[in-house]
Each structure stands twice: as structure tokens, then as C-alpha cells.
Amino acid sequence: MANKNTYDDSRNELERSIDYGVSYDNINVRNVTFWIVLGLIIVIVMLFGVYNMYTYNQFLSQQQSAISSESHELKQIREEEHRKLNTLELIDEENMRYRIPIDSAITLIATDRYESP
């Protein structure tokens, strides 16, 4: 009797498949929907993370270039300061004032203090 029911069930399933046009599957729609939604959420989270990493790296790049770049005016000021600190120059001819290099000035002050009691 068990064989008869199994045979009838198989026969009914075959007839349904022929009527349907393909092999009939019992798809669990809730399961499929769950996995699709979960997959979409994961993809959205990953895209959000990649976008945030991109904007953060772009910010760091701009910040680094701003730190490392030197303005033209600042460069000129530094060159002028370097020239003043390291060259001998007549400042006031009437009062005989000279600008001497900083290293020479330090040496003169150090020897002057060393020699004076």
C-alpha cells in the first residue's frame, strides 16, 4: 500500500510538472526575501564604508598638501631673513653700524664675556 501511495504521489507530481512546463519547486519565498534583503544591506553598508574611506583619504591628502606646501611670500620672507642673519652689511654709514653674521656675533659675545672679569 505504501508503494501505491508513493507511486500515485510521483505520478501526480509528474503530471503537475508537465502541466506547469518545468519541474515544480516549492520555493520558500520568505527565505529568498530574507537573503536578498540581507545581501542588499551588506552591499549598502560596504558602499557606505568605501565612500567614507575615500572622503577621509581625500581629506588627509588635502591636509598633507596644505601642510607641506609653502607660500611664495613665506619663502621670500625666509630667504630675506636668512640673508640678513648670514651676511655682513653696512646699515648706517653715519653712525658706523654694521650687520654681521649671527655666528660671528655669537662668537664675539662669547669671547667678550670669557675675557672680561
PDB file of N, CA and C in Angstrom:
ATOM      1  N   MET A   1       0.801  -1.183   0.000  1.00  0.00           N
ATOM      2  CA  MET A   1       0.000   0.000   0.000  1.00  0.00           C
ATOM      3  C   MET A   1       0.851   1.257   0.000  1.00  0.00           C
ATOM      4  N   ALA A   2       2.004   1.195   0.705  1.00  0.00           N
ATOM      5  CA  ALA A   2       2.897   2.343   0.751  1.00  0.00           C
ATOM      6  C   ALA A   2       3.454   2.623  -0.627  1.00  0.00           C
ATOM      7  N   ASN A   3       3.724   1.552  -1.377  1.00  0.00           N
ATOM      8  CA  ASN A   3       4.242   1.721  -2.722  1.00  0.00           C
ATOM      9  C   ASN A   3       3.217   2.359  -3.636  1.00  0.00           C
ATOM     10  N   LYS A   4       1.977   2.024  -3.456  1.00  0.00           N
ATOM     11  CA  LYS A   4       0.897   2.582  -4.278  1.00  0.00           C
ATOM     12  C   LYS A   4       0.786   4.082  -4.037  1.00  0.00           C
ATOM     13  N   ASN A   5       0.835   4.534  -2.753  1.00  0.00           N
ATOM     14  CA  ASN A   5       0.757   5.969  -2.447  1.00  0.00           C
ATOM     15  C   ASN A   5       1.975   6.711  -2.989  1.00  0.00           C
ATOM     16  N   THR A   6       3.140   6.128  -2.856  1.00  0.00           N
ATOM     17  CA  THR A   6       4.354   6.746  -3.366  1.00  0.00           C
ATOM     18  C   THR A   6       4.284   6.862  -4.877  1.00  0.00           C
ATOM     19  N   TYR A   7       3.804   5.810  -5.526  1.00  0.00           N
ATOM     20  CA  TYR A   7       3.656   5.823  -6.979  1.00  0.00           C
ATOM     21  C   TYR A   7       2.662   6.894  -7.396  1.00  0.00           C
ATOM     22  N   ASP A   8       1.516   6.963  -6.700  1.00  0.00           N
ATOM     23  CA  ASP A   8       0.498   7.956  -7.034  1.00  0.00           C
ATOM     24  C   ASP A   8       1.028   9.373  -6.813  1.00  0.00           C
ATOM     25  N   ASP A   9       1.772   9.566  -5.734  1.00  0.00           N
ATOM     26  CA  ASP A   9       2.343  10.897  -5.469  1.00  0.00           C
ATOM     27  C   ASP A   9       3.338  11.285  -6.561  1.00  0.00           C
ATOM     28  N   SER A  10       4.161  10.348  -6.965  1.00  0.00           N
ATOM     29  CA  SER A  10       5.141  10.618  -8.022  1.00  0.00           C
ATOM     30  C   SER A  10       4.422  10.910  -9.332  1.00  0.00           C
ATOM     31  N   ARG A  11       3.364  10.155  -9.606  1.00  0.00           N
ATOM     32  CA  ARG A  11       2.599  10.347 -10.835  1.00  0.00           C
ATOM     33  C   ARG A  11       1.928  11.713 -10.826  1.00  0.00           C
ATOM     34  N   ASN A  12       1.344  12.089  -9.691  1.00  0.00           N
ATOM     35  CA  ASN A  12       0.691  13.406  -9.584  1.00  0.00           C
ATOM     36  C   ASN A  12       1.719  14.528  -9.735  1.00  0.00           C
ATOM     37  N   GLU A  13       2.875  14.358  -9.160  1.00  0.00           N
ATOM     38  CA  GLU A  13       3.924  15.368  -9.282  1.00  0.00           C
ATOM     39  C   GLU A  13       4.397  15.481 -10.724  1.00  0.00           C
ATOM     40  N   LEU A  14       4.514  14.362 -11.423  1.00  0.00           N
ATOM     41  CA  LEU A  14       4.909  14.364 -12.820  1.00  0.00           C
ATOM     42  C   LEU A  14       3.859  15.073 -13.669  1.00  0.00           C
ATOM     43  N   GLU A  15       2.610  14.819 -13.415  1.00  0.00           N
ATOM     44  CA  GLU A  15       1.533  15.469 -14.175  1.00  0.00           C
ATOM     45  C   GLU A  15       1.528  16.972 -13.908  1.00  0.00           C
ATOM     46  N   ARG A  16       1.726  17.363 -12.674  1.00  0.00           N
ATOM     47  CA  ARG A  16       1.780  18.801 -12.355  1.00  0.00           C
ATOM     48  C   ARG A  16       2.964  19.460 -13.052  1.00  0.00           C
ATOM     49  N   SER A  17       4.098  18.778 -13.091  1.00  0.00           N
ATOM     50  CA  SER A  17       5.283  19.330 -13.745  1.00  0.00           C
ATOM     51  C   SER A  17       5.043  19.477 -15.236  1.00  0.00           C
ATOM     52  N   ILE A  18       4.399  18.503 -15.844  1.00  0.00           N
ATOM     53  CA  ILE A  18       4.108  18.575 -17.281  1.00  0.00           C
ATOM     54  C   ILE A  18       3.145  19.716 -17.546  1.00  0.00           C
ATOM     55  N   ASP A  19       2.131  19.874 -16.714  1.00  0.00           N
ATOM     56  CA  ASP A  19       1.186  20.982 -16.888  1.00  0.00           C
ATOM     57  C   ASP A  19       1.875  22.337 -16.673  1.00  0.00           C
ATOM     58  N   TYR A  20       2.766  22.377 -15.726  1.00  0.00           N
ATOM     59  CA  TYR A  20       3.462  23.628 -15.384  1.00  0.00           C
ATOM     60  C   TYR A  20       4.503  23.974 -16.444  1.00  0.00           C
ATOM     61  N   GLY A  21       5.046  22.983 -17.090  1.00  0.00           N
ATOM     62  CA  GLY A  21       6.016  23.209 -18.145  1.00  0.00           C
ATOM     63  C   GLY A  21       7.436  22.888 -17.726  1.00  0.00           C
ATOM     64  N   VAL A  22       7.694  22.897 -16.466  1.00  0.00           N
ATOM     65  CA  VAL A  22       9.018  22.551 -15.934  1.00  0.00           C
ATOM     66  C   VAL A  22       8.808  21.813 -14.638  1.00  0.00           C
ATOM     67  N   SER A  23       9.908  21.412 -14.060  1.00  0.00           N
ATOM     68  CA  SER A  23       9.812  20.719 -12.783  1.00  0.00           C
ATOM     69  C   SER A  23       9.376  21.705 -11.711  1.00  0.00           C
ATOM     70  N   TYR A  24       8.363  21.379 -10.999  1.00  0.00           N
ATOM     71  CA  TYR A  24       7.778  22.253  -9.991  1.00  0.00           C
ATOM     72  C   TYR A  24       8.633  22.231  -8.731  1.00  0.00           C
ATOM     73  N   ASP A  25       8.966  23.410  -8.196  1.00  0.00           N
ATOM     74  CA  ASP A  25       9.744  23.513  -6.964  1.00  0.00           C
ATOM     75  C   ASP A  25       8.920  24.245  -5.924  1.00  0.00           C
ATOM     76  N   ASN A  26       9.046  23.806  -4.722  1.00  0.00           N
ATOM     77  CA  ASN A  26       8.417  24.513  -3.610  1.00  0.00           C
ATOM     78  C   ASN A  26       9.457  25.492  -3.053  1.00  0.00           C
ATOM     79  N   ILE A  27       9.387  26.730  -3.487  1.00  0.00           N
ATOM     80  CA  ILE A  27      10.349  27.749  -3.070  1.00  0.00           C
ATOM     81  C   ILE A  27       9.799  28.457  -1.843  1.00  0.00           C
ATOM     82  N   ASN A  28      10.656  28.589  -0.851  1.00  0.00           N
ATOM     83  CA  ASN A  28      10.292  29.314   0.346  1.00  0.00           C
ATOM     84  C   ASN A  28      10.573  30.803   0.096  1.00  0.00           C
ATOM     85  N   VAL A  29       9.524  31.541  -0.170  1.00  0.00           N
ATOM     86  CA  VAL A  29       9.643  32.947  -0.548  1.00  0.00           C
ATOM     87  C   VAL A  29      10.199  33.777   0.602  1.00  0.00           C
ATOM     88  N   ARG A  30       9.840  33.444   1.810  1.00  0.00           N
ATOM     89  CA  ARG A  30      10.346  34.191   2.975  1.00  0.00           C
ATOM     90  C   ARG A  30      11.860  34.058   3.079  1.00  0.00           C
ATOM     91  N   ASN A  31      12.369  32.834   2.852  1.00  0.00           N
ATOM     92  CA  ASN A  31      13.813  32.623   2.895  1.00  0.00           C
ATOM     93  C   ASN A  31      14.530  33.416   1.807  1.00  0.00           C
ATOM     94  N   VAL A  32      14.014  33.354   0.603  1.00  0.00           N
ATOM     95  CA  VAL A  32      14.621  34.067  -0.523  1.00  0.00           C
ATOM     96  C   VAL A  32      14.590  35.569  -0.264  1.00  0.00           C
ATOM     97  N   THR A  33      13.478  36.082   0.206  1.00  0.00           N
ATOM     98  CA  THR A  33      13.348  37.506   0.505  1.00  0.00           C
ATOM     99  C   THR A  33      14.336  37.919   1.590  1.00  0.00           C
ATOM    100  N   PHE A  34      14.451  37.115   2.632  1.00  0.00           N
ATOM    101  CA  PHE A  34      15.392  37.410   3.720  1.00  0.00           C
ATOM    102  C   PHE A  34      16.817  37.527   3.193  1.00  0.00           C
ATOM    103  N   TRP A  35      17.259  36.568   2.378  1.00  0.00           N
ATOM    104  CA  TRP A  35      18.634  36.586   1.882  1.00  0.00           C
ATOM    105  C   TRP A  35      18.872  37.739   0.904  1.00  0.00           C
ATOM    106  N   ILE A  36      17.864  38.079   0.113  1.00  0.00           N
ATOM    107  CA  ILE A  36      18.015  39.221  -0.795  1.00  0.00           C
ATOM    108  C   ILE A  36      18.155  40.517  -0.005  1.00  0.00           C
ATOM    109  N   VAL A  37      17.294  40.710   0.996  1.00  0.00           N
ATOM    110  CA  VAL A  37      17.348  41.925   1.818  1.00  0.00           C
ATOM    111  C   VAL A  37      18.668  41.988   2.581  1.00  0.00           C
ATOM    112  N   LEU A  38      19.080  40.853   3.154  1.00  0.00           N
ATOM    113  CA  LEU A  38      20.346  40.825   3.876  1.00  0.00           C
ATOM    114  C   LEU A  38      21.515  41.149   2.944  1.00  0.00           C
ATOM    115  N   GLY A  39      21.512  40.597   1.762  1.00  0.00           N
ATOM    116  CA  GLY A  39      22.573  40.893   0.787  1.00  0.00           C
ATOM    117  C   GLY A  39      22.611  42.364   0.406  1.00  0.00           C
ATOM    118  N   LEU A  40      21.425  42.950   0.187  1.00  0.00           N
ATOM    119  CA  LEU A  40      21.367  44.377  -0.146  1.00  0.00           C
ATOM    120  C   LEU A  40      21.889  45.238   0.994  1.00  0.00           C
ATOM    121  N   ILE A  41      21.540  44.886   2.218  1.00  0.00           N
ATOM    122  CA  ILE A  41      22.010  45.652   3.375  1.00  0.00           C
ATOM    123  C   ILE A  41      23.538  45.576   3.469  1.00  0.00           C
ATOM    124  N   ILE A  42      24.091  44.385   3.259  1.00  0.00           N
ATOM    125  CA  ILE A  42      25.541  44.231   3.319  1.00  0.00           C
ATOM    126  C   ILE A  42      26.218  45.054   2.225  1.00  0.00           C
ATOM    127  N   VAL A  43      25.672  45.026   1.020  1.00  0.00           N
ATOM    128  CA  VAL A  43      26.252  45.803  -0.084  1.00  0.00           C
ATOM    129  C   VAL A  43      26.177  47.296   0.215  1.00  0.00           C
ATOM    130  N   ILE A  44      25.054  47.763   0.756  1.00  0.00           N
ATOM    131  CA  ILE A  44      24.906  49.186   1.074  1.00  0.00           C
ATOM    132  C   ILE A  44      25.891  49.596   2.157  1.00  0.00           C
ATOM    133  N   VAL A  45      26.046  48.771   3.182  1.00  0.00           N
ATOM    134  CA  VAL A  45      27.000  49.082   4.253  1.00  0.00           C
ATOM    135  C   VAL A  45      28.427  49.127   3.702  1.00  0.00           C
ATOM    136  N   MET A  46      28.765  48.192   2.824  1.00  0.00           N
ATOM    137  CA  MET A  46      30.105  48.188   2.231  1.00  0.00           C
ATOM    138  C   MET A  46      30.333  49.426   1.366  1.00  0.00           C
ATOM    139  N   LEU A  47      29.344  49.810   0.574  1.00  0.00           N
ATOM    140  CA  LEU A  47      29.472  51.019  -0.248  1.00  0.00           C
ATOM    141  C   LEU A  47      29.619  52.257   0.623  1.00  0.00           C
ATOM    142  N   PHE A  48      28.867  52.331   1.699  1.00  0.00           N
ATOM    143  CA  PHE A  48      28.966  53.455   2.627  1.00  0.00           C
ATOM    144  C   PHE A  48      30.372  53.508   3.237  1.00  0.00           C
ATOM    145  N   GLY A  49      30.906  52.350   3.625  1.00  0.00           N
ATOM    146  CA  GLY A  49      32.252  52.302   4.192  1.00  0.00           C
ATOM    147  C   GLY A  49      33.314  52.722   3.187  1.00  0.00           C
ATOM    148  N   VAL A  50      33.195  52.259   1.962  1.00  0.00           N
ATOM    149  CA  VAL A  50      34.161  52.636   0.922  1.00  0.00           C
ATOM    150  C   VAL A  50      34.088  54.135   0.650  1.00  0.00           C
ATOM    151  N   TYR A  51      32.891  54.680   0.598  1.00  0.00           N
ATOM    152  CA  TYR A  51      32.734  56.119   0.365  1.00  0.00           C
ATOM    153  C   TYR A  51      33.364  56.922   1.498  1.00  0.00           C
ATOM    154  N   ASN A  52      33.134  56.500   2.746  1.00  0.00           N
ATOM    155  CA  ASN A  52      33.730  57.210   3.884  1.00  0.00           C
ATOM    156  C   ASN A  52      35.251  57.107   3.872  1.00  0.00           C
ATOM    157  N   MET A  53      35.788  55.961   3.507  1.00  0.00           N
ATOM    158  CA  MET A  53      37.240  55.822   3.408  1.00  0.00           C
ATOM    159  C   MET A  53      37.787  56.743   2.323  1.00  0.00           C
ATOM    160  N   TYR A  54      37.086  56.835   1.209  1.00  0.00           N
ATOM    161  CA  TYR A  54      37.520  57.709   0.123  1.00  0.00           C
ATOM    162  C   TYR A  54      37.533  59.173   0.567  1.00  0.00           C
ATOM    163  N   THR A  55      36.460  59.634   1.196  1.00  0.00           N
ATOM    164  CA  THR A  55      36.407  61.034   1.621  1.00  0.00           C
ATOM    165  C   THR A  55      37.448  61.320   2.706  1.00  0.00           C
ATOM    166  N   TYR A  56      37.682  60.369   3.611  1.00  0.00           N
ATOM    167  CA  TYR A  56      38.685  60.560   4.661  1.00  0.00           C
ATOM    168  C   TYR A  56      40.085  60.639   4.053  1.00  0.00           C
ATOM    169  N   ASN A  57      40.387  59.750   3.109  1.00  0.00           N
ATOM    170  CA  ASN A  57      41.700  59.792   2.457  1.00  0.00           C
ATOM    171  C   ASN A  57      41.876  61.059   1.634  1.00  0.00           C
ATOM    172  N   GLN A  58      40.815  61.522   1.026  1.00  0.00           N
ATOM    173  CA  GLN A  58      40.877  62.770   0.274  1.00  0.00           C
ATOM    174  C   GLN A  58      41.154  63.940   1.221  1.00  0.00           C
ATOM    175  N   PHE A  59      40.494  63.948   2.376  1.00  0.00           N
ATOM    176  CA  PHE A  59      40.727  64.985   3.379  1.00  0.00           C
ATOM    177  C   PHE A  59      42.170  64.949   3.856  1.00  0.00           C
ATOM    178  N   LEU A  60      42.693  63.743   4.161  1.00  0.00           N
ATOM    179  CA  LEU A  60      44.078  63.632   4.612  1.00  0.00           C
ATOM    180  C   LEU A  60      45.051  64.111   3.546  1.00  0.00           C
ATOM    181  N   SER A  61      44.767  63.788   2.301  1.00  0.00           N
ATOM    182  CA  SER A  61      45.629  64.218   1.199  1.00  0.00           C
ATOM    183  C   SER A  61      45.650  65.739   1.092  1.00  0.00           C
ATOM    184  N   GLN A  62      44.496  66.364   1.180  1.00  0.00           N
ATOM    185  CA  GLN A  62      44.424  67.825   1.109  1.00  0.00           C
ATOM    186  C   GLN A  62      45.125  68.460   2.302  1.00  0.00           C
ATOM    187  N   GLN A  63      44.936  67.882   3.470  1.00  0.00           N
ATOM    188  CA  GLN A  63      45.573  68.413   4.676  1.00  0.00           C
ATOM    189  C   GLN A  63      47.094  68.292   4.574  1.00  0.00           C
ATOM    190  N   GLN A  64      47.574  67.166   4.091  1.00  0.00           N
ATOM    191  CA  GLN A  64      49.016  66.964   3.953  1.00  0.00           C
ATOM    192  C   GLN A  64      49.609  67.925   2.933  1.00  0.00           C
ATOM    193  N   SER A  65      48.912  68.143   1.829  1.00  0.00           N
ATOM    194  CA  SER A  65      49.427  69.077   0.824  1.00  0.00           C
ATOM    195  C   SER A  65      49.403  70.506   1.349  1.00  0.00           C
ATOM    196  N   ALA A  66      48.419  70.849   2.174  1.00  0.00           N
ATOM    197  CA  ALA A  66      48.369  72.186   2.759  1.00  0.00           C
ATOM    198  C   ALA A  66      49.503  72.382   3.759  1.00  0.00           C
ATOM    199  N   ILE A  67      49.829  71.343   4.500  1.00  0.00           N
ATOM    200  CA  ILE A  67      50.909  71.436   5.478  1.00  0.00           C
ATOM    201  C   ILE A  67      52.263  71.530   4.787  1.00  0.00           C
ATOM    202  N   SER A  68      52.459  70.729   3.758  1.00  0.00           N
ATOM    203  CA  SER A  68      53.766  70.662   3.118  1.00  0.00           C
ATOM    204  C   SER A  68      54.013  71.800   2.136  1.00  0.00           C
ATOM    205  N   SER A  69      52.963  72.409   1.646  1.00  0.00           N
ATOM    206  CA  SER A  69      53.171  73.496   0.685  1.00  0.00           C
ATOM    207  C   SER A  69      53.605  74.761   1.422  1.00  0.00           C
ATOM    208  N   GLU A  70      54.429  75.520   0.764  1.00  0.00           N
ATOM    209  CA  GLU A  70      54.930  76.751   1.346  1.00  0.00           C
ATOM    210  C   GLU A  70      54.561  77.883   0.402  1.00  0.00           C
ATOM    211  N   SER A  71      53.973  78.917   0.946  1.00  0.00           N
ATOM    212  CA  SER A  71      53.544  80.012   0.080  1.00  0.00           C
ATOM    213  C   SER A  71      54.757  80.762  -0.464  1.00  0.00           C
ATOM    214  N   HIS A  72      54.569  81.406  -1.572  1.00  0.00           N
ATOM    215  CA  HIS A  72      55.641  82.150  -2.235  1.00  0.00           C
ATOM    216  C   HIS A  72      56.124  83.289  -1.329  1.00  0.00           C
ATOM    217  N   GLU A  73      55.189  83.972  -0.685  1.00  0.00           N
ATOM    218  CA  GLU A  73      55.546  85.097   0.192  1.00  0.00           C
ATOM    219  C   GLU A  73      56.360  84.622   1.389  1.00  0.00           C
ATOM    220  N   LEU A  74      55.954  83.509   1.982  1.00  0.00           N
ATOM    221  CA  LEU A  74      56.683  82.969   3.127  1.00  0.00           C
ATOM    222  C   LEU A  74      58.092  82.563   2.720  1.00  0.00           C
ATOM    223  N   LYS A  75      58.224  81.993   1.540  1.00  0.00           N
ATOM    224  CA  LYS A  75      59.537  81.592   1.055  1.00  0.00           C
ATOM    225  C   LYS A  75      60.435  82.812   0.870  1.00  0.00           C
ATOM    226  N   GLN A  76      59.893  83.891   0.328  1.00  0.00           N
ATOM    227  CA  GLN A  76      60.671  85.113   0.155  1.00  0.00           C
ATOM    228  C   GLN A  76      61.082  85.701   1.501  1.00  0.00           C
ATOM    229  N   ILE A  77      60.175  85.691   2.460  1.00  0.00           N
ATOM    230  CA  ILE A  77      60.487  86.220   3.793  1.00  0.00           C
ATOM    231  C   ILE A  77      61.601  85.409   4.440  1.00  0.00           C
ATOM    232  N   ARG A  78      61.532  84.096   4.322  1.00  0.00           N
ATOM    233  CA  ARG A  78      62.569  83.242   4.914  1.00  0.00           C
ATOM    234  C   ARG A  78      63.925  83.455   4.231  1.00  0.00           C
ATOM    235  N   GLU A  79      63.924  83.621   2.920  1.00  0.00           N
ATOM    236  CA  GLU A  79      65.179  83.886   2.214  1.00  0.00           C
ATOM    237  C   GLU A  79      65.784  85.218   2.659  1.00  0.00           C
ATOM    238  N   GLU A  80      64.941  86.226   2.828  1.00  0.00           N
ATOM    239  CA  GLU A  80      65.406  87.540   3.280  1.00  0.00           C
ATOM    240  C   GLU A  80      65.956  87.454   4.701  1.00  0.00           C
ATOM    241  N   GLU A  81      65.275  86.726   5.588  1.00  0.00           N
ATOM    242  CA  GLU A  81      65.764  86.557   6.962  1.00  0.00           C
ATOM    243  C   GLU A  81      67.093  85.812   6.974  1.00  0.00           C
ATOM    244  N   HIS A  82      67.199  84.790   6.153  1.00  0.00           N
ATOM    245  CA  HIS A  82      68.454  84.027   6.082  1.00  0.00           C
ATOM    246  C   HIS A  82      69.589  84.918   5.589  1.00  0.00           C
ATOM    247  N   ARG A  83      69.308  85.736   4.598  1.00  0.00           N
ATOM    248  CA  ARG A  83      70.321  86.655   4.073  1.00  0.00           C
ATOM    249  C   ARG A  83      70.755  87.637   5.155  1.00  0.00           C
ATOM    250  N   LYS A  84      69.811  88.191   5.906  1.00  0.00           N
ATOM    251  CA  LYS A  84      70.146  89.155   6.959  1.00  0.00           C
ATOM    252  C   LYS A  84      70.960  88.516   8.079  1.00  0.00           C
ATOM    253  N   LEU A  85      70.654  87.267   8.405  1.00  0.00           N
ATOM    254  CA  LEU A  85      71.362  86.599   9.504  1.00  0.00           C
ATOM    255  C   LEU A  85      72.757  86.123   9.123  1.00  0.00           C
ATOM    256  N   ASN A  86      73.025  85.980   7.847  1.00  0.00           N
ATOM    257  CA  ASN A  86      74.289  85.359   7.445  1.00  0.00           C
ATOM    258  C   ASN A  86      75.181  86.219   6.557  1.00  0.00           C
ATOM    259  N   THR A  87      74.913  87.507   6.434  1.00  0.00           N
ATOM    260  CA  THR A  87      75.758  88.363   5.599  1.00  0.00           C
ATOM    261  C   THR A  87      76.248  89.570   6.389  1.00  0.00           C
ATOM    262  N   LEU A  88      77.358  90.103   5.956  1.00  0.00           N
ATOM    263  CA  LEU A  88      77.917  91.327   6.517  1.00  0.00           C
ATOM    264  C   LEU A  88      77.375  92.479   5.681  1.00  0.00           C
ATOM    265  N   GLU A  89      76.856  93.516   6.367  1.00  0.00           N
ATOM    266  CA  GLU A  89      76.193  94.582   5.624  1.00  0.00           C
ATOM    267  C   GLU A  89      76.318  95.888   6.401  1.00  0.00           C
ATOM    268  N   LEU A  90      76.504  96.986   5.690  1.00  0.00           N
ATOM    269  CA  LEU A  90      76.538  98.312   6.296  1.00  0.00           C
ATOM    270  C   LEU A  90      75.100  98.792   6.457  1.00  0.00           C
ATOM    271  N   ILE A  91      74.727  99.105   7.703  1.00  0.00           N
ATOM    272  CA  ILE A  91      73.350  99.536   7.967  1.00  0.00           C
ATOM    273  C   ILE A  91      73.267 101.057   7.988  1.00  0.00           C
ATOM    274  N   ASP A  92      74.139 101.704   8.769  1.00  0.00           N
ATOM    275  CA  ASP A  92      74.113 103.159   8.913  1.00  0.00           C
ATOM    276  C   ASP A  92      75.545 103.667   8.797  1.00  0.00           C
ATOM    277  N   GLU A  93      75.859 104.314   7.676  1.00  0.00           N
ATOM    278  CA  GLU A  93      77.233 104.770   7.427  1.00  0.00           C
ATOM    279  C   GLU A  93      77.614 105.905   8.369  1.00  0.00           C
ATOM    280  N   GLU A  94      76.664 106.755   8.679  1.00  0.00           N
ATOM    281  CA  GLU A  94      76.931 107.908   9.528  1.00  0.00           C
ATOM    282  C   GLU A  94      77.336 107.490  10.936  1.00  0.00           C
ATOM    283  N   ASN A  95      76.629 106.507  11.490  1.00  0.00           N
ATOM    284  CA  ASN A  95      76.922 106.031  12.849  1.00  0.00           C
ATOM    285  C   ASN A  95      77.827 104.808  12.854  1.00  0.00           C
ATOM    286  N   MET A  96      78.277 104.377  11.667  1.00  0.00           N
ATOM    287  CA  MET A  96      79.171 103.226  11.521  1.00  0.00           C
ATOM    288  C   MET A  96      78.552 101.958  12.127  1.00  0.00           C
ATOM    289  N   ARG A  97      77.312 101.709  11.755  1.00  0.00           N
ATOM    290  CA  ARG A  97      76.625 100.497  12.230  1.00  0.00           C
ATOM    291  C   ARG A  97      76.649  99.458  11.127  1.00  0.00           C
ATOM    292  N   TYR A  98      77.029  98.239  11.508  1.00  0.00           N
ATOM    293  CA  TYR A  98      77.112  97.126  10.570  1.00  0.00           C
ATOM    294  C   TYR A  98      76.244  95.971  11.062  1.00  0.00           C
ATOM    295  N   ARG A  99      75.836  95.212  10.123  1.00  0.00           N
ATOM    296  CA  ARG A  99      75.172  93.952  10.455  1.00  0.00           C
ATOM    297  C   ARG A  99      76.186  92.851  10.165  1.00  0.00           C
ATOM    298  N   ILE A 100      76.438  92.013  11.183  1.00  0.00           N
ATOM    299  CA  ILE A 100      77.392  90.919  10.994  1.00  0.00           C
ATOM    300  C   ILE A 100      76.634  89.600  11.057  1.00  0.00           C
ATOM    301  N   PRO A 101      77.236  88.554  10.502  1.00  0.00           N
ATOM    302  CA  PRO A 101      76.564  87.245  10.549  1.00  0.00           C
ATOM    303  C   PRO A 101      76.352  86.784  11.991  1.00  0.00           C
ATOM    304  N   ILE A 102      75.272  86.062  12.217  1.00  0.00           N
ATOM    305  CA  ILE A 102      74.885  85.634  13.558  1.00  0.00           C
ATOM    306  C   ILE A 102      75.957  84.774  14.220  1.00  0.00           C
ATOM    307  N   ASP A 103      76.611  83.928  13.454  1.00  0.00           N
ATOM    308  CA  ASP A 103      77.661  83.086  14.030  1.00  0.00           C
ATOM    309  C   ASP A 103      78.822  83.934  14.543  1.00  0.00           C
ATOM    310  N   SER A 104      79.167  84.965  13.775  1.00  0.00           N
ATOM    311  CA  SER A 104      80.239  85.867  14.212  1.00  0.00           C
ATOM    312  C   SER A 104      79.833  86.633  15.462  1.00  0.00           C
ATOM    313  N   ALA A 105      78.577  87.082  15.513  1.00  0.00           N
ATOM    314  CA  ALA A 105      78.097  87.814  16.687  1.00  0.00           C
ATOM    315  C   ALA A 105      78.129  86.936  17.930  1.00  0.00           C
ATOM    316  N   ILE A 106      77.734  85.688  17.801  1.00  0.00           N
ATOM    317  CA  ILE A 106      77.753  84.765  18.943  1.00  0.00           C
ATOM    318  C   ILE A 106      79.184  84.548  19.410  1.00  0.00           C
ATOM    319  N   THR A 107      80.092  84.384  18.472  1.00  0.00           N
ATOM    320  CA  THR A 107      81.499  84.179  18.819  1.00  0.00           C
ATOM    321  C   THR A 107      82.063  85.400  19.531  1.00  0.00           C
ATOM    322  N   LEU A 108      81.771  86.598  19.024  1.00  0.00           N
ATOM    323  CA  LEU A 108      82.253  87.826  19.661  1.00  0.00           C
ATOM    324  C   LEU A 108      81.700  87.981  21.080  1.00  0.00           C
ATOM    325  N   ILE A 109      80.425  87.705  21.254  1.00  0.00           N
ATOM    326  CA  ILE A 109      79.830  87.826  22.585  1.00  0.00           C
ATOM    327  C   ILE A 109      80.422  86.794  23.532  1.00  0.00           C
ATOM    328  N   ALA A 110      80.611  85.594  23.065  1.00  0.00           N
ATOM    329  CA  ALA A 110      81.157  84.536  23.925  1.00  0.00           C
ATOM    330  C   ALA A 110      82.586  84.848  24.325  1.00  0.00           C
ATOM    331  N   THR A 111      83.425  85.305  23.399  1.00  0.00           N
ATOM    332  CA  THR A 111      84.808  85.615  23.751  1.00  0.00           C
ATOM    333  C   THR A 111      84.883  86.861  24.617  1.00  0.00           C
ATOM    334  N   ASP A 112      84.014  87.828  24.371  1.00  0.00           N
ATOM    335  CA  ASP A 112      83.987  89.046  25.184  1.00  0.00           C
ATOM    336  C   ASP A 112      83.630  88.717  26.634  1.00  0.00           C
ATOM    337  N   ARG A 113      82.663  87.879  26.867  1.00  0.00           N
ATOM    338  CA  ARG A 113      82.267  87.506  28.225  1.00  0.00           C
ATOM    339  C   ARG A 113      83.318  86.627  28.885  1.00  0.00           C
ATOM    340  N   TYR A 114      83.996  85.849  28.080  1.00  0.00           N
ATOM    341  CA  TYR A 114      85.027  84.957  28.618  1.00  0.00           C
ATOM    342  C   TYR A 114      86.229  85.761  29.062  1.00  0.00           C
ATOM    343  N   GLU A 115      86.577  86.807  28.269  1.00  0.00           N
ATOM    344  CA  GLU A 115      87.757  87.597  28.600  1.00  0.00           C
ATOM    345  C   GLU A 115      87.490  88.635  29.683  1.00  0.00           C
ATOM    346  N   SER A 116      86.281  89.118  29.818  1.00  0.00           N
ATOM    347  CA  SER A 116      86.005  90.145  30.850  1.00  0.00           C
ATOM    348  C   SER A 116      85.827  89.465  32.198  1.00  0.00           C
ATOM    349  N   PRO A 117      86.318  90.144  33.289  1.00  0.00           N
ATOM    350  CA  PRO A 117      86.254  89.529  34.629  1.00  0.00           C
ATOM    351  C   PRO A 117      84.879  89.469  35.212  1.00  0.00           C
TER     352      PRO A 117
END
